[in-house]
Each structure stands twice: as structure tokens, then as C-alpha cells.
Amino acid sequence: MSIYHGLGLASKILGSNMPEAARANQIVQQYEQRLSTLAAALSARNPEPNSFAASSLKAWDACVR
């Protein structure tokens, strides 16, 4: 997650001054897409409340996006 957050934050702060901005944005988009796919697969398993899987999905919904 730190790569995702770091590149996203750097892009927001640096804007057009971000070195290789297009590449950084592409990496962030690909990473987010992969995490979304994994979250959807995890959600499809109908995890038990308070399980690690349910906690992970809650964190994804509340913090990551």
C-alpha cells in the first residue's frame, strides 16, 4: 500500500512538476485496479464479521479509496 499512497500523494502535491507524471499515474491506476479486483474476490467469499477478510474490506472501503 505504501507505493500506492506515496505515488498518489506525490502526484497530488507535485502536480505538473511530478517527474514522469504519466508513468506514476499509470502505476497508481494499475495498482488500484488490482486491489479493487482482489477486494471484489474477497467480498465474494462473504467473509465472517470481524474476520481478517472483513476487516481488510472495511479498511479498503473506509481508508484506501
Protein backbone atom coordinates (compact mmCIF):
# COMPACT_ATOMS: atom_id res chain seq x y z
CA MET A 1 0.00 0.00 0.00
CA SER A 2 2.81 2.43 0.68
CA ILE A 3 3.75 2.60 -3.01
CA TYR A 4 0.13 3.36 -3.90
CA HIS A 5 -0.22 6.04 -1.25
CA GLY A 6 3.23 7.52 -1.86
CA LEU A 7 2.82 7.91 -5.60
CA GLY A 8 -0.72 9.21 -5.23
CA LEU A 9 0.34 11.77 -2.65
CA ALA A 10 3.39 12.84 -4.66
CA SER A 11 1.21 13.32 -7.74
CA LYS A 12 -1.24 15.47 -5.79
CA ILE A 13 1.48 17.60 -4.20
CA LEU A 14 3.77 17.99 -7.20
CA GLY A 15 1.10 18.15 -9.90
CA SER A 16 2.68 19.01 -13.24
CA ASN A 17 6.14 19.11 -11.61
CA MET A 18 5.98 15.39 -10.85
CA PRO A 19 8.84 13.58 -12.60
CA GLU A 20 7.42 11.04 -15.05
CA ALA A 21 3.88 12.01 -14.03
CA ALA A 22 2.22 9.89 -16.71
CA ARG A 23 4.11 6.79 -15.59
CA ALA A 24 3.35 7.45 -11.92
CA ASN A 25 -0.35 7.89 -12.70
CA GLN A 26 -0.34 4.67 -14.71
CA ILE A 27 1.25 2.77 -11.83
CA VAL A 28 -1.30 4.16 -9.34
CA GLN A 29 -4.21 3.26 -11.64
CA GLN A 30 -2.93 -0.27 -12.23
CA TYR A 31 -2.28 -0.82 -8.53
CA GLU A 32 -5.73 0.45 -7.58
CA GLN A 33 -7.36 -1.74 -10.23
CA ARG A 34 -5.55 -4.81 -8.92
CA LEU A 35 -6.53 -4.04 -5.32
CA SER A 36 -10.13 -3.48 -6.41
CA THR A 37 -10.13 -6.86 -8.14
CA LEU A 38 -8.73 -8.55 -5.04
CA ALA A 39 -11.28 -6.78 -2.81
CA ALA A 40 -14.12 -7.93 -5.07
CA ALA A 41 -12.87 -11.53 -4.91
CA LEU A 42 -12.57 -11.32 -1.14
CA SER A 43 -16.04 -9.82 -0.83
CA ALA A 44 -17.50 -12.61 -2.98
CA ARG A 45 -16.37 -15.10 -0.32
CA ASN A 46 -18.81 -13.49 2.15
CA PRO A 47 -16.30 -13.22 5.00
CA GLU A 48 -17.46 -13.66 8.57
CA PRO A 49 -17.90 -10.45 10.56
CA ASN A 50 -14.77 -9.45 12.50
CA SER A 51 -12.60 -11.79 10.43
CA PHE A 52 -9.34 -10.64 8.88
CA ALA A 53 -11.03 -10.62 5.47
CA ALA A 54 -13.94 -8.49 6.70
CA SER A 55 -11.54 -6.10 8.42
CA SER A 56 -9.50 -5.82 5.23
CA LEU A 57 -12.57 -4.97 3.20
CA LYS A 58 -13.65 -2.40 5.77
CA ALA A 59 -10.22 -0.75 5.61
CA TRP A 60 -10.33 -0.75 1.81
CA ASP A 61 -13.75 0.90 1.80
CA ALA A 62 -13.00 3.43 4.53
CA CYS A 63 -9.37 4.38 4.12
CA VAL A 64 -7.85 3.36 0.86
CA ARG A 65 -10.30 4.70 -1.63
